[in-house]
Protein backbone atom coordinates (compact mmCIF):
# COMPACT_ATOMS: atom_id res chain seq x y z
CA MET A 1 -0.11 -2.38 15.00
CA ASN A 2 -3.49 -4.27 16.25
CA ASN A 3 -3.46 -8.46 14.76
CA ASN A 4 -5.95 -7.08 11.72
CA ARG A 5 -2.98 -4.42 10.89
CA ILE A 6 -0.35 -6.55 10.85
CA LYS A 7 -1.44 -9.33 8.82
CA HIS A 8 -2.31 -6.55 6.37
CA SER A 9 1.22 -6.15 6.28
CA ILE A 10 2.14 -9.24 5.84
CA SER A 11 0.15 -9.97 2.83
CA VAL A 12 0.77 -6.79 0.77
CA SER A 13 4.43 -7.54 1.52
CA ARG A 14 3.54 -11.42 0.27
CA LYS A 15 1.59 -10.24 -2.86
CA MET A 16 4.42 -7.32 -3.34
CA VAL A 17 6.62 -10.59 -3.54
CA GLU A 18 4.29 -12.04 -6.59
CA ILE A 19 3.84 -8.76 -8.72
CA ALA A 20 7.96 -8.29 -8.43
CA ARG A 21 8.17 -12.28 -9.63
CA SER A 22 5.78 -11.34 -12.20
CA LYS A 23 8.22 -8.82 -13.32
CA HIS A 24 11.34 -10.78 -13.23
CA LEU A 25 12.21 -8.41 -10.96
CA SER A 26 16.00 -9.12 -9.24
CA ILE A 27 16.07 -11.45 -5.80
CA ASP A 28 17.41 -8.54 -4.17
CA GLU A 29 14.11 -6.44 -6.08
CA ILE A 30 12.04 -8.87 -4.36
CA ASN A 31 13.62 -8.68 -1.49
CA ASN A 32 13.18 -5.44 -1.34
CA CYS A 33 9.03 -4.85 -1.85
CA PHE A 34 8.48 -8.07 0.90
CA LEU A 35 10.13 -5.15 3.67
CA ILE A 36 8.11 -2.44 1.60
CA GLY A 37 5.06 -4.11 2.46
CA TYR A 38 5.72 -4.88 6.11
CA VAL A 39 6.79 -1.84 7.26
CA HIS A 40 4.58 0.26 4.82
CA ASP A 41 1.47 1.15 7.01
CA ILE A 42 4.04 1.18 9.83
CA GLY A 43 2.32 5.16 10.70
CA TYR A 44 -0.88 3.43 11.88
CA GLU A 45 0.67 2.88 15.12
CA PHE A 46 1.05 6.65 15.55
CA THR A 47 -2.20 8.03 14.39
CA ASP A 48 -5.70 7.18 14.34
CA GLY A 49 -5.20 6.25 10.18
CA THR A 50 -5.42 10.05 9.15
CA ASN A 51 -1.77 10.69 7.25
CA HIS A 52 -0.72 7.30 8.33
CA ASN A 53 1.22 7.29 5.05
CA ILE A 54 2.78 10.72 6.13
CA ILE A 55 3.78 9.46 9.67
CA GLY A 56 5.44 6.04 8.79
CA GLY A 57 7.45 7.67 5.70
CA GLU A 58 8.49 10.46 8.34
CA ILE A 59 9.76 7.67 11.18
CA LEU A 60 10.80 5.62 8.84
CA LYS A 61 13.26 9.00 6.84
CA ASN A 62 14.61 9.46 10.31
CA SER A 63 16.10 6.03 11.06
CA GLY A 64 17.38 5.99 7.60
CA PHE A 65 15.20 3.42 5.82
CA LYS A 66 16.63 3.42 1.97
CA PHE A 67 12.60 3.15 0.87
CA TRP A 68 10.82 5.65 3.57
CA GLN A 69 9.18 7.81 -0.02
CA GLU A 70 7.18 4.51 -1.22
CA VAL A 71 5.30 4.52 2.18
CA TYR A 72 5.39 8.11 2.42
CA TYR A 73 3.62 8.09 -1.15
CA HIS A 74 1.62 4.99 -1.11
CA GLY A 75 -1.99 5.00 -1.47
CA GLU A 76 -2.13 8.52 -3.34
CA ALA A 77 -3.31 8.59 -6.47
CA ASN A 78 -1.45 11.19 -8.22
CA PRO A 79 2.16 11.53 -6.27
CA SER A 80 4.80 13.89 -6.68
CA TYR A 81 7.12 10.86 -6.27
CA THR A 82 7.59 7.50 -8.26
CA SER A 83 9.18 4.89 -8.52
CA LEU A 84 8.58 1.10 -9.29
CA TYR A 85 8.67 0.22 -5.95
CA LEU A 86 5.64 2.91 -5.15
CA ASP A 87 3.54 0.86 -8.27
CA ILE A 88 3.99 -2.68 -6.79
CA LEU A 89 3.05 -0.95 -3.29
CA ASN A 90 -0.30 0.88 -4.49
CA GLN A 91 -1.55 -2.57 -6.55
CA ALA A 92 -0.67 -4.94 -3.75
CA ASP A 93 -1.98 -2.56 -1.06
CA MET A 94 -5.48 -2.24 -3.04
CA GLN A 95 -5.89 -6.24 -3.54
CA ILE A 96 -5.50 -6.51 0.26
CA ASP A 97 -8.30 -6.23 2.90
CA LYS A 98 -8.19 -4.55 6.22
CA ASP A 99 -7.70 -8.65 7.60
CA GLY A 100 -5.41 -9.87 5.05
CA ASN A 101 -7.06 -11.35 2.13
CA ASP A 102 -6.53 -10.84 -1.57
CA VAL A 103 -9.54 -9.62 -2.09
CA GLY A 104 -9.14 -7.71 -5.47
CA TYR A 105 -9.34 -4.23 -6.28
CA ASP A 106 -13.11 -4.12 -6.52
CA GLY A 107 -13.29 -6.06 -3.05
CA ARG A 108 -10.94 -3.72 -1.34
CA LEU A 109 -12.64 -0.51 -2.14
CA LYS A 110 -15.49 -2.52 -1.02
CA ASP A 111 -13.70 -2.96 2.79
CA ILE A 112 -12.50 0.92 2.22
CA GLU A 113 -16.17 1.78 2.42
CA GLU A 114 -17.61 -0.17 4.67
CA ARG A 115 -15.26 1.49 7.20
CA TYR A 116 -14.93 4.90 6.08
CA GLY A 117 -17.94 5.07 4.12
CA LYS A 118 -18.32 6.43 -0.03
CA ASP A 119 -18.25 10.03 0.44
CA SER A 120 -15.44 9.69 2.87
CA THR A 121 -12.05 12.17 1.49
CA VAL A 122 -10.62 8.26 1.90
CA TYR A 123 -12.87 6.14 -0.04
CA LYS A 124 -12.65 8.72 -2.95
CA ASN A 125 -8.75 8.54 -3.17
CA CYS A 126 -8.68 5.21 -2.67
CA GLN A 127 -11.31 4.94 -5.76
CA LYS A 128 -9.30 7.20 -7.99
CA LEU A 129 -5.95 5.48 -7.12
CA ILE A 130 -8.01 1.70 -8.55
CA ASN A 131 -8.54 3.61 -11.55
CA LYS A 132 -5.83 5.05 -12.22
CA LEU A 133 -4.23 1.59 -11.42
CA LYS A 134 -6.61 -0.59 -13.62
CA ASP A 135 -5.93 2.29 -16.93
CA SER A 136 -2.30 1.26 -17.05
CA MET A 137 -2.73 -2.29 -16.21
CA ASN A 138 -6.02 -2.29 -18.90
CA ILE A 139 -8.05 -3.83 -16.50
């Protein structure tokens, strides 16, 4: 992965820990959040970004990683799988820009718009996910 993707992943890990602590999760759950955030974009190493979540999830599944489904389904607005960890991952990922900066939901959407365009599937999917996250948190 390139240096920016690594910065993004580390920042997502740290944001997941912040969210997990605010939810008063156990130390084991907090540690799991850090690990999930750290590997959530591993699929970028093997693709141009298209389906990076699925590719990364499959790699982790084949390696026996317990939380492969969180990686596989992250970034989807209406996944067929849900978990507390997936919710936390999406909250964190949708607030950290490509350079690892915590920019909030609106800043992240602007980051995605600048890279992919407002008419792209990536942008539209992220917009749906961010709207869903905001609705669930009454933002």
